[in-house]
PDB file of N, CA and C in Angstrom:
ATOM      1  N   MET A   1      53.451  36.510  75.095  1.00  0.00           N
ATOM      2  CA  MET A   1      54.521  36.485  73.975  1.00  0.00           C
ATOM      3  C   MET A   1      54.705  37.676  73.556  1.00  0.00           C
ATOM      4  N   ARG A   2      56.101  37.888  72.984  1.00  0.00           N
ATOM      5  CA  ARG A   2      56.466  39.072  72.488  1.00  0.00           C
ATOM      6  C   ARG A   2      56.180  38.850  70.841  1.00  0.00           C
ATOM      7  N   GLU A   3      55.616  39.382  70.046  1.00  0.00           N
ATOM      8  CA  GLU A   3      55.313  39.289  68.720  1.00  0.00           C
ATOM      9  C   GLU A   3      56.906  39.589  68.162  1.00  0.00           C
ATOM     10  N   VAL A   4      57.397  39.083  66.879  1.00  0.00           N
ATOM     11  CA  VAL A   4      58.341  39.032  66.247  1.00  0.00           C
ATOM     12  C   VAL A   4      58.171  38.951  64.653  1.00  0.00           C
ATOM     13  N   VAL A   5      58.604  40.092  64.062  1.00  0.00           N
ATOM     14  CA  VAL A   5      58.211  40.248  62.713  1.00  0.00           C
ATOM     15  C   VAL A   5      59.703  40.542  61.837  1.00  0.00           C
ATOM     16  N   PHE A   6      59.614  39.511  60.951  1.00  0.00           N
ATOM     17  CA  PHE A   6      60.968  39.762  60.112  1.00  0.00           C
ATOM     18  C   PHE A   6      60.600  39.053  58.510  1.00  0.00           C
ATOM     19  N   ALA A   7      61.770  39.430  57.964  1.00  0.00           N
ATOM     20  CA  ALA A   7      61.354  39.217  56.464  1.00  0.00           C
ATOM     21  C   ALA A   7      62.778  38.422  56.138  1.00  0.00           C
ATOM     22  N   LEU A   8      62.482  37.518  54.940  1.00  0.00           N
ATOM     23  CA  LEU A   8      63.855  36.895  54.605  1.00  0.00           C
ATOM     24  C   LEU A   8      63.857  36.640  53.080  1.00  0.00           C
ATOM     25  N   GLU A   9      64.741  36.853  52.180  1.00  0.00           N
ATOM     26  CA  GLU A   9      64.754  36.798  50.856  1.00  0.00           C
ATOM     27  C   GLU A   9      65.353  35.515  50.655  1.00  0.00           C
ATOM     28  N   PHE A  10      64.522  34.285  50.158  1.00  0.00           N
ATOM     29  CA  PHE A  10      65.299  33.144  49.563  1.00  0.00           C
ATOM     30  C   PHE A  10      65.644  33.273  48.417  1.00  0.00           C
ATOM     31  N   ARG A  11      66.704  32.548  47.876  1.00  0.00           N
ATOM     32  CA  ARG A  11      67.071  32.113  46.474  1.00  0.00           C
ATOM     33  C   ARG A  11      67.499  30.716  46.689  1.00  0.00           C
ATOM     34  N   GLY A  12      67.268  30.026  45.291  1.00  0.00           N
ATOM     35  CA  GLY A  12      67.780  28.503  45.169  1.00  0.00           C
ATOM     36  C   GLY A  12      66.937  27.788  44.001  1.00  0.00           C
ATOM     37  N   ARG A  13      67.032  26.839  43.827  1.00  0.00           N
ATOM     38  CA  ARG A  13      66.724  26.255  43.062  1.00  0.00           C
ATOM     39  C   ARG A  13      65.220  25.292  43.043  1.00  0.00           C
ATOM     40  N   ALA A  14      64.759  25.087  42.003  1.00  0.00           N
ATOM     41  CA  ALA A  14      63.550  24.197  41.992  1.00  0.00           C
ATOM     42  C   ALA A  14      63.334  23.223  40.810  1.00  0.00           C
ATOM     43  N   ARG A  15      62.693  22.380  40.938  1.00  0.00           N
ATOM     44  CA  ARG A  15      62.542  21.374  39.711  1.00  0.00           C
ATOM     45  C   ARG A  15      61.101  20.839  39.777  1.00  0.00           C
ATOM     46  N   VAL A  16      60.973  20.025  38.898  1.00  0.00           N
ATOM     47  CA  VAL A  16      59.620  19.167  38.270  1.00  0.00           C
ATOM     48  C   VAL A  16      59.701  17.953  38.458  1.00  0.00           C
ATOM     49  N   ASP A  17      59.187  17.058  39.337  1.00  0.00           N
ATOM     50  CA  ASP A  17      59.326  15.846  39.314  1.00  0.00           C
ATOM     51  C   ASP A  17      58.521  15.180  37.971  1.00  0.00           C
ATOM     52  N   PRO A  18      58.717  13.904  37.416  1.00  0.00           N
ATOM     53  CA  PRO A  18      58.116  13.397  36.355  1.00  0.00           C
ATOM     54  C   PRO A  18      56.597  13.548  36.587  1.00  0.00           C
ATOM     55  N   ASP A  19      56.126  13.241  37.790  1.00  0.00           N
ATOM     56  CA  ASP A  19      54.533  13.115  37.991  1.00  0.00           C
ATOM     57  C   ASP A  19      53.955  14.671  38.035  1.00  0.00           C
ATOM     58  N   GLY A  20      54.774  15.965  37.869  1.00  0.00           N
ATOM     59  CA  GLY A  20      54.414  17.187  38.004  1.00  0.00           C
ATOM     60  C   GLY A  20      54.461  18.044  39.236  1.00  0.00           C
ATOM     61  N   THR A  21      54.984  17.318  40.115  1.00  0.00           N
ATOM     62  CA  THR A  21      55.265  17.994  41.441  1.00  0.00           C
ATOM     63  C   THR A  21      56.407  18.928  41.306  1.00  0.00           C
ATOM     64  N   ARG A  22      56.049  20.115  42.135  1.00  0.00           N
ATOM     65  CA  ARG A  22      57.342  21.049  42.058  1.00  0.00           C
ATOM     66  C   ARG A  22      57.946  20.877  43.482  1.00  0.00           C
ATOM     67  N   ARG A  23      59.446  20.933  43.245  1.00  0.00           N
ATOM     68  CA  ARG A  23      60.070  20.994  44.746  1.00  0.00           C
ATOM     69  C   ARG A  23      61.152  21.855  44.622  1.00  0.00           C
ATOM     70  N   ALA A  24      61.210  22.388  45.703  1.00  0.00           N
ATOM     71  CA  ALA A  24      62.402  23.677  46.005  1.00  0.00           C
ATOM     72  C   ALA A  24      63.142  23.477  47.089  1.00  0.00           C
ATOM     73  N   ARG A  25      64.440  24.096  46.896  1.00  0.00           N
ATOM     74  CA  ARG A  25      65.020  24.146  48.260  1.00  0.00           C
ATOM     75  C   ARG A  25      65.948  25.518  47.986  1.00  0.00           C
ATOM     76  N   THR A  26      65.700  26.568  48.890  1.00  0.00           N
ATOM     77  CA  THR A  26      66.165  27.853  48.557  1.00  0.00           C
ATOM     78  C   THR A  26      66.891  27.931  50.206  1.00  0.00           C
ATOM     79  N   ASP A  27      67.556  28.870  49.916  1.00  0.00           N
ATOM     80  CA  ASP A  27      68.244  29.297  51.257  1.00  0.00           C
ATOM     81  C   ASP A  27      68.165  30.981  51.247  1.00  0.00           C
ATOM     82  N   ALA A  28      68.378  31.488  52.451  1.00  0.00           N
ATOM     83  CA  ALA A  28      68.063  32.964  52.872  1.00  0.00           C
ATOM     84  C   ALA A  28      69.286  33.066  53.960  1.00  0.00           C
ATOM     85  N   PRO A  29      70.303  34.027  53.759  1.00  0.00           N
ATOM     86  CA  PRO A  29      71.509  34.194  54.660  1.00  0.00           C
ATOM     87  C   PRO A  29      70.707  35.300  55.741  1.00  0.00           C
ATOM     88  N   SER A  30      71.682  35.186  56.984  1.00  0.00           N
ATOM     89  CA  SER A  30      71.181  36.383  57.945  1.00  0.00           C
ATOM     90  C   SER A  30      71.415  37.806  57.219  1.00  0.00           C
ATOM     91  N   GLN A  31      70.347  38.469  57.430  1.00  0.00           N
ATOM     92  CA  GLN A  31      70.407  39.642  56.457  1.00  0.00           C
ATOM     93  C   GLN A  31      69.835  40.883  57.310  1.00  0.00           C
ATOM     94  N   ALA A  32      70.002  41.965  56.578  1.00  0.00           N
ATOM     95  CA  ALA A  32      69.121  43.137  57.234  1.00  0.00           C
ATOM     96  C   ALA A  32      68.389  43.884  56.381  1.00  0.00           C
ATOM     97  N   TRP A  33      67.354  44.309  56.727  1.00  0.00           N
ATOM     98  CA  TRP A  33      66.681  44.918  55.739  1.00  0.00           C
ATOM     99  C   TRP A  33      66.326  46.591  56.232  1.00  0.00           C
ATOM    100  N   ARG A  34      66.350  47.593  55.200  1.00  0.00           N
ATOM    101  CA  ARG A  34      66.351  48.849  55.530  1.00  0.00           C
ATOM    102  C   ARG A  34      65.021  49.397  54.632  1.00  0.00           C
ATOM    103  N   THR A  35      64.148  50.312  55.282  1.00  0.00           N
ATOM    104  CA  THR A  35      63.260  51.092  54.547  1.00  0.00           C
ATOM    105  C   THR A  35      63.451  52.406  54.775  1.00  0.00           C
ATOM    106  N   VAL A  36      63.640  53.347  53.933  1.00  0.00           N
ATOM    107  CA  VAL A  36      63.566  55.039  54.249  1.00  0.00           C
ATOM    108  C   VAL A  36      62.590  55.253  53.477  1.00  0.00           C
ATOM    109  N   LEU A  37      61.489  56.094  53.800  1.00  0.00           N
ATOM    110  CA  LEU A  37      60.817  57.083  53.534  1.00  0.00           C
ATOM    111  C   LEU A  37      61.107  58.677  53.136  1.00  0.00           C
ATOM    112  N   ASP A  38      61.049  58.979  52.185  1.00  0.00           N
ATOM    113  CA  ASP A  38      61.576  60.367  52.220  1.00  0.00           C
ATOM    114  C   ASP A  38      60.560  60.875  50.774  1.00  0.00           C
ATOM    115  N   ALA A  39      60.656  62.523  50.664  1.00  0.00           N
ATOM    116  CA  ALA A  39      60.034  63.327  49.470  1.00  0.00           C
ATOM    117  C   ALA A  39      60.031  62.479  48.204  1.00  0.00           C
ATOM    118  N   ASP A  40      61.107  61.547  47.998  1.00  0.00           N
ATOM    119  CA  ASP A  40      61.225  60.880  46.521  1.00  0.00           C
ATOM    120  C   ASP A  40      60.624  59.546  46.555  1.00  0.00           C
ATOM    121  N   GLY A  41      60.056  59.261  47.577  1.00  0.00           N
ATOM    122  CA  GLY A  41      59.403  57.768  47.776  1.00  0.00           C
ATOM    123  C   GLY A  41      59.722  56.883  48.823  1.00  0.00           C
ATOM    124  N   VAL A  42      59.428  55.574  48.363  1.00  0.00           N
ATOM    125  CA  VAL A  42      60.065  54.677  49.294  1.00  0.00           C
ATOM    126  C   VAL A  42      61.337  53.995  48.970  1.00  0.00           C
ATOM    127  N   HIS A  43      62.179  53.609  49.682  1.00  0.00           N
ATOM    128  CA  HIS A  43      63.662  53.096  49.442  1.00  0.00           C
ATOM    129  C   HIS A  43      63.699  52.057  50.224  1.00  0.00           C
ATOM    130  N   ALA A  44      64.213  50.929  49.502  1.00  0.00           N
ATOM    131  CA  ALA A  44      64.687  49.772  50.509  1.00  0.00           C
ATOM    132  C   ALA A  44      65.629  48.866  49.873  1.00  0.00           C
ATOM    133  N   ASP A  45      66.562  48.267  50.760  1.00  0.00           N
ATOM    134  CA  ASP A  45      67.671  47.500  50.250  1.00  0.00           C
ATOM    135  C   ASP A  45      67.850  46.515  51.293  1.00  0.00           C
ATOM    136  N   ARG A  46      68.599  45.677  50.866  1.00  0.00           N
ATOM    137  CA  ARG A  46      68.822  44.242  51.858  1.00  0.00           C
ATOM    138  C   ARG A  46      70.287  43.980  51.750  1.00  0.00           C
ATOM    139  N   ARG A  47      70.807  43.434  52.954  1.00  0.00           N
ATOM    140  CA  ARG A  47      72.048  43.439  52.902  1.00  0.00           C
ATOM    141  C   ARG A  47      72.453  42.066  53.863  1.00  0.00           C
ATOM    142  N   PRO A  48      73.210  41.175  53.525  1.00  0.00           N
ATOM    143  CA  PRO A  48      73.587  39.834  54.210  1.00  0.00           C
ATOM    144  C   PRO A  48      74.586  40.366  55.136  1.00  0.00           C
ATOM    145  N   LEU A  49      74.298  39.405  56.414  1.00  0.00           N
ATOM    146  CA  LEU A  49      75.098  39.762  57.350  1.00  0.00           C
ATOM    147  C   LEU A  49      75.539  38.176  57.937  1.00  0.00           C
ATOM    148  N   GLU A  50      76.735  38.237  58.771  1.00  0.00           N
ATOM    149  CA  GLU A  50      77.309  37.091  59.195  1.00  0.00           C
ATOM    150  C   GLU A  50      76.262  36.552  60.311  1.00  0.00           C
ATOM    151  N   GLY A  51      76.532  35.270  60.065  1.00  0.00           N
ATOM    152  CA  GLY A  51      75.442  34.393  60.955  1.00  0.00           C
ATOM    153  C   GLY A  51      74.803  33.068  60.147  1.00  0.00           C
ATOM    154  N   GLU A  52      74.108  32.312  60.544  1.00  0.00           N
ATOM    155  CA  GLU A  52      73.657  31.207  59.882  1.00  0.00           C
ATOM    156  C   GLU A  52      72.645  31.679  58.613  1.00  0.00           C
ATOM    157  N   ALA A  53      72.041  30.401  58.191  1.00  0.00           N
ATOM    158  CA  ALA A  53      71.437  30.735  56.891  1.00  0.00           C
ATOM    159  C   ALA A  53      69.816  29.853  57.320  1.00  0.00           C
ATOM    160  N   ALA A  54      68.899  30.502  56.746  1.00  0.00           N
ATOM    161  CA  ALA A  54      67.627  29.799  56.772  1.00  0.00           C
ATOM    162  C   ALA A  54      67.368  29.084  55.690  1.00  0.00           C
ATOM    163  N   VAL A  55      66.693  27.744  55.639  1.00  0.00           N
ATOM    164  CA  VAL A  55      66.545  26.754  54.304  1.00  0.00           C
ATOM    165  C   VAL A  55      65.164  26.672  54.428  1.00  0.00           C
ATOM    166  N   LEU A  56      64.508  26.857  53.094  1.00  0.00           N
ATOM    167  CA  LEU A  56      63.056  26.540  52.781  1.00  0.00           C
ATOM    168  C   LEU A  56      63.217  25.471  51.772  1.00  0.00           C
ATOM    169  N   GLU A  57      62.335  24.287  52.170  1.00  0.00           N
ATOM    170  CA  GLU A  57      62.156  23.310  51.300  1.00  0.00           C
ATOM    171  C   GLU A  57      60.893  22.987  51.113  1.00  0.00           C
ATOM    172  N   SER A  58      60.419  22.828  49.885  1.00  0.00           N
ATOM    173  CA  SER A  58      58.780  22.656  49.834  1.00  0.00           C
ATOM    174  C   SER A  58      58.544  21.975  48.534  1.00  0.00           C
ATOM    175  N   ARG A  59      57.258  21.239  48.785  1.00  0.00           N
ATOM    176  CA  ARG A  59      56.494  20.558  47.623  1.00  0.00           C
ATOM    177  C   ARG A  59      55.569  21.171  47.262  1.00  0.00           C
ATOM    178  N   VAL A  60      55.113  21.316  46.019  1.00  0.00           N
ATOM    179  CA  VAL A  60      53.783  22.065  45.124  1.00  0.00           C
ATOM    180  C   VAL A  60      53.243  20.983  44.231  1.00  0.00           C
ATOM    181  N   GLU A  61      51.871  20.827  44.584  1.00  0.00           N
ATOM    182  CA  GLU A  61      51.373  20.212  43.584  1.00  0.00           C
ATOM    183  C   GLU A  61      50.210  20.992  43.020  1.00  0.00           C
ATOM    184  N   ARG A  62      50.312  21.191  41.684  1.00  0.00           N
ATOM    185  CA  ARG A  62      49.534  22.082  40.984  1.00  0.00           C
ATOM    186  C   ARG A  62      48.216  21.371  39.780  1.00  0.00           C
ATOM    187  N   PHE A  63      47.087  21.739  40.412  1.00  0.00           N
ATOM    188  CA  PHE A  63      45.700  21.159  39.487  1.00  0.00           C
ATOM    189  C   PHE A  63      45.344  21.799  38.161  1.00  0.00           C
ATOM    190  N   GLY A  64      44.835  21.216  37.521  1.00  0.00           N
ATOM    191  CA  GLY A  64      44.299  21.872  36.190  1.00  0.00           C
ATOM    192  C   GLY A  64      43.302  23.035  36.261  1.00  0.00           C
ATOM    193  N   ASP A  65      42.787  23.071  37.720  1.00  0.00           N
ATOM    194  CA  ASP A  65      41.678  24.340  37.706  1.00  0.00           C
ATOM    195  C   ASP A  65      42.442  25.828  38.289  1.00  0.00           C
ATOM    196  N   GLY A  66      43.935  25.670  38.222  1.00  0.00           N
ATOM    197  CA  GLY A  66      44.797  26.693  38.668  1.00  0.00           C
ATOM    198  C   GLY A  66      44.753  26.643  40.497  1.00  0.00           C
ATOM    199  N   THR A  67      44.385  25.836  40.915  1.00  0.00           N
ATOM    200  CA  THR A  67      44.676  25.471  42.389  1.00  0.00           C
ATOM    201  C   THR A  67      46.037  24.898  42.805  1.00  0.00           C
ATOM    202  N   PHE A  68      46.372  24.757  43.879  1.00  0.00           N
ATOM    203  CA  PHE A  68      47.827  24.101  44.558  1.00  0.00           C
ATOM    204  C   PHE A  68      47.565  23.622  45.941  1.00  0.00           C
ATOM    205  N   VAL A  69      48.466  22.628  46.315  1.00  0.00           N
ATOM    206  CA  VAL A  69      48.316  22.586  47.600  1.00  0.00           C
ATOM    207  C   VAL A  69      50.059  22.358  47.798  1.00  0.00           C
ATOM    208  N   GLU A  70      50.567  22.796  49.077  1.00  0.00           N
ATOM    209  CA  GLU A  70      51.847  23.071  49.196  1.00  0.00           C
ATOM    210  C   GLU A  70      52.299  22.746  50.863  1.00  0.00           C
ATOM    211  N   ASP A  71      53.525  22.034  50.766  1.00  0.00           N
ATOM    212  CA  ASP A  71      53.896  21.767  52.288  1.00  0.00           C
ATOM    213  C   ASP A  71      55.368  21.372  52.145  1.00  0.00           C
ATOM    214  N   GLY A  72      55.925  21.686  53.723  1.00  0.00           N
ATOM    215  CA  GLY A  72      57.286  21.849  53.463  1.00  0.00           C
ATOM    216  C   GLY A  72      57.607  22.632  55.051  1.00  0.00           C
ATOM    217  N   THR A  73      59.196  22.764  54.985  1.00  0.00           N
ATOM    218  CA  THR A  73      59.701  23.242  56.268  1.00  0.00           C
ATOM    219  C   THR A  73      60.640  24.436  56.005  1.00  0.00           C
ATOM    220  N   ILE A  74      60.720  25.026  57.228  1.00  0.00           N
ATOM    221  CA  ILE A  74      61.734  26.130  56.975  1.00  0.00           C
ATOM    222  C   ILE A  74      62.648  25.929  58.344  1.00  0.00           C
ATOM    223  N   THR A  75      63.973  25.904  58.133  1.00  0.00           N
ATOM    224  CA  THR A  75      64.741  25.425  59.333  1.00  0.00           C
ATOM    225  C   THR A  75      65.670  27.002  59.289  1.00  0.00           C
ATOM    226  N   TYR A  76      65.694  27.363  60.435  1.00  0.00           N
ATOM    227  CA  TYR A  76      66.317  28.495  61.081  1.00  0.00           C
ATOM    228  C   TYR A  76      67.620  28.119  61.660  1.00  0.00           C
ATOM    229  N   GLY A  77      68.722  27.920  60.615  1.00  0.00           N
ATOM    230  CA  GLY A  77      69.928  27.459  61.162  1.00  0.00           C
ATOM    231  C   GLY A  77      69.770  26.492  62.766  1.00  0.00           C
ATOM    232  N   ARG A  78      70.246  26.585  63.439  1.00  0.00           N
ATOM    233  CA  ARG A  78      70.492  25.998  64.614  1.00  0.00           C
ATOM    234  C   ARG A  78      69.225  26.257  65.641  1.00  0.00           C
ATOM    235  N   ALA A  79      68.398  27.216  65.361  1.00  0.00           N
ATOM    236  CA  ALA A  79      67.452  27.490  66.100  1.00  0.00           C
ATOM    237  C   ALA A  79      66.058  26.650  65.947  1.00  0.00           C
ATOM    238  N   GLY A  80      65.942  26.017  64.914  1.00  0.00           N
ATOM    239  CA  GLY A  80      64.990  25.331  64.774  1.00  0.00           C
ATOM    240  C   GLY A  80      64.292  25.014  63.607  1.00  0.00           C
ATOM    241  N   HIS A  81      63.015  24.711  63.492  1.00  0.00           N
ATOM    242  CA  HIS A  81      62.412  24.972  62.234  1.00  0.00           C
ATOM    243  C   HIS A  81      60.825  24.909  62.466  1.00  0.00           C
ATOM    244  N   VAL A  82      60.038  25.421  61.464  1.00  0.00           N
ATOM    245  CA  VAL A  82      58.617  25.190  61.433  1.00  0.00           C
ATOM    246  C   VAL A  82      58.086  24.432  60.086  1.00  0.00           C
ATOM    247  N   ALA A  83      56.995  23.467  60.103  1.00  0.00           N
ATOM    248  CA  ALA A  83      56.477  23.001  59.062  1.00  0.00           C
ATOM    249  C   ALA A  83      55.297  23.658  58.752  1.00  0.00           C
ATOM    250  N   PHE A  84      55.016  23.346  57.368  1.00  0.00           N
ATOM    251  CA  PHE A  84      53.663  24.102  56.963  1.00  0.00           C
ATOM    252  C   PHE A  84      53.050  23.411  55.899  1.00  0.00           C
ATOM    253  N   GLU A  85      51.880  23.591  55.619  1.00  0.00           N
ATOM    254  CA  GLU A  85      51.061  23.009  54.563  1.00  0.00           C
ATOM    255  C   GLU A  85      49.716  23.867  54.473  1.00  0.00           C
ATOM    256  N   THR A  86      49.430  24.019  53.239  1.00  0.00           N
ATOM    257  CA  THR A  86      48.110  24.941  52.767  1.00  0.00           C
ATOM    258  C   THR A  86      47.074  24.260  53.526  1.00  0.00           C
ATOM    259  N   VAL A  87      46.141  24.932  53.559  1.00  0.00           N
ATOM    260  CA  VAL A  87      44.679  24.738  54.479  1.00  0.00           C
ATOM    261  C   VAL A  87      43.761  24.928  53.272  1.00  0.00           C
ATOM    262  N   GLY A  88      43.392  23.418  52.780  1.00  0.00           N
ATOM    263  CA  GLY A  88      42.355  23.760  51.593  1.00  0.00           C
ATOM    264  C   GLY A  88      43.316  23.583  50.392  1.00  0.00           C
ATOM    265  N   ARG A  89      42.942  24.541  49.298  1.00  0.00           N
ATOM    266  CA  ARG A  89      43.817  24.621  48.274  1.00  0.00           C
ATOM    267  C   ARG A  89      43.921  26.174  47.958  1.00  0.00           C
ATOM    268  N   GLY A  90      45.082  26.571  47.521  1.00  0.00           N
ATOM    269  CA  GLY A  90      45.492  27.861  47.251  1.00  0.00           C
ATOM    270  C   GLY A  90      45.236  27.981  45.659  1.00  0.00           C
ATOM    271  N   THR A  91      45.171  29.471  45.470  1.00  0.00           N
ATOM    272  CA  THR A  91      44.922  29.730  44.004  1.00  0.00           C
ATOM    273  C   THR A  91      46.168  30.471  43.394  1.00  0.00           C
ATOM    274  N   VAL A  92      46.234  30.239  42.237  1.00  0.00           N
ATOM    275  CA  VAL A  92      47.395  31.290  41.784  1.00  0.00           C
ATOM    276  C   VAL A  92      46.665  32.127  40.533  1.00  0.00           C
ATOM    277  N   GLY A  93      46.800  33.502  40.575  1.00  0.00           N
ATOM    278  CA  GLY A  93      46.359  34.392  39.740  1.00  0.00           C
ATOM    279  C   GLY A  93      47.215  35.362  38.925  1.00  0.00           C
ATOM    280  N   PRO A  94      46.957  36.408  38.594  1.00  0.00           N
ATOM    281  CA  PRO A  94      47.569  37.301  37.864  1.00  0.00           C
ATOM    282  C   PRO A  94      48.062  38.470  39.046  1.00  0.00           C
ATOM    283  N   ALA A  95      49.509  38.901  38.577  1.00  0.00           N
ATOM    284  CA  ALA A  95      49.894  39.776  39.866  1.00  0.00           C
ATOM    285  C   ALA A  95      50.224  41.002  39.040  1.00  0.00           C
ATOM    286  N   PRO A  96      50.470  42.278  39.742  1.00  0.00           N
ATOM    287  CA  PRO A  96      50.651  43.388  39.123  1.00  0.00           C
ATOM    288  C   PRO A  96      51.645  43.741  38.323  1.00  0.00           C
ATOM    289  N   LEU A  97      52.755  42.559  38.399  1.00  0.00           N
ATOM    290  CA  LEU A  97      54.018  43.092  37.747  1.00  0.00           C
ATOM    291  C   LEU A  97      53.907  42.081  36.567  1.00  0.00           C
ATOM    292  N   PRO A  98      54.383  42.477  35.626  1.00  0.00           N
ATOM    293  CA  PRO A  98      54.310  41.290  34.204  1.00  0.00           C
ATOM    294  C   PRO A  98      55.243  40.213  34.546  1.00  0.00           C
ATOM    295  N   ALA A  99      55.312  39.058  33.885  1.00  0.00           N
ATOM    296  CA  ALA A  99      55.593  37.816  34.186  1.00  0.00           C
ATOM    297  C   ALA A  99      55.758  37.384  35.893  1.00  0.00           C
ATOM    298  N   ALA A 100      54.695  37.734  36.376  1.00  0.00           N
ATOM    299  CA  ALA A 100      54.749  37.544  37.882  1.00  0.00           C
ATOM    300  C   ALA A 100      53.473  36.805  38.307  1.00  0.00           C
ATOM    301  N   ARG A 101      53.366  36.017  39.068  1.00  0.00           N
ATOM    302  CA  ARG A 101      51.851  35.601  39.385  1.00  0.00           C
ATOM    303  C   ARG A 101      51.789  35.969  40.871  1.00  0.00           C
ATOM    304  N   LEU A 102      50.384  35.866  41.379  1.00  0.00           N
ATOM    305  CA  LEU A 102      50.055  36.284  42.816  1.00  0.00           C
ATOM    306  C   LEU A 102      49.663  35.164  43.285  1.00  0.00           C
ATOM    307  N   VAL A 103      50.152  34.441  44.438  1.00  0.00           N
ATOM    308  CA  VAL A 103      49.252  33.206  45.075  1.00  0.00           C
ATOM    309  C   VAL A 103      48.664  33.756  46.148  1.00  0.00           C
ATOM    310  N   ARG A 104      47.681  33.256  46.546  1.00  0.00           N
ATOM    311  CA  ARG A 104      46.758  33.388  47.483  1.00  0.00           C
ATOM    312  C   ARG A 104      46.630  32.289  48.277  1.00  0.00           C
TER     313      ARG A 104
END
């Protein structure tokens, strides 16, 4: 089997249900990523392309100790979908950027 590596930038909306569960629905258009390395550093950009969109739908339950569980699906247009869920509990911690969180 040939390895396929790709990246998508998802954008959309999330909400918190009355029970505290977080739900999100986001999408990512077909897109091209470019990375250039030169003497000035690393430069990257993303641009949308014609084609279908990928849709990410997820449900996250957070716990008082800072851990969480998540499950959901990513649908790749008419190409199919994958389902996912955390194995055990994930953790949320500080990230290197202000106002961001690192999910492990």
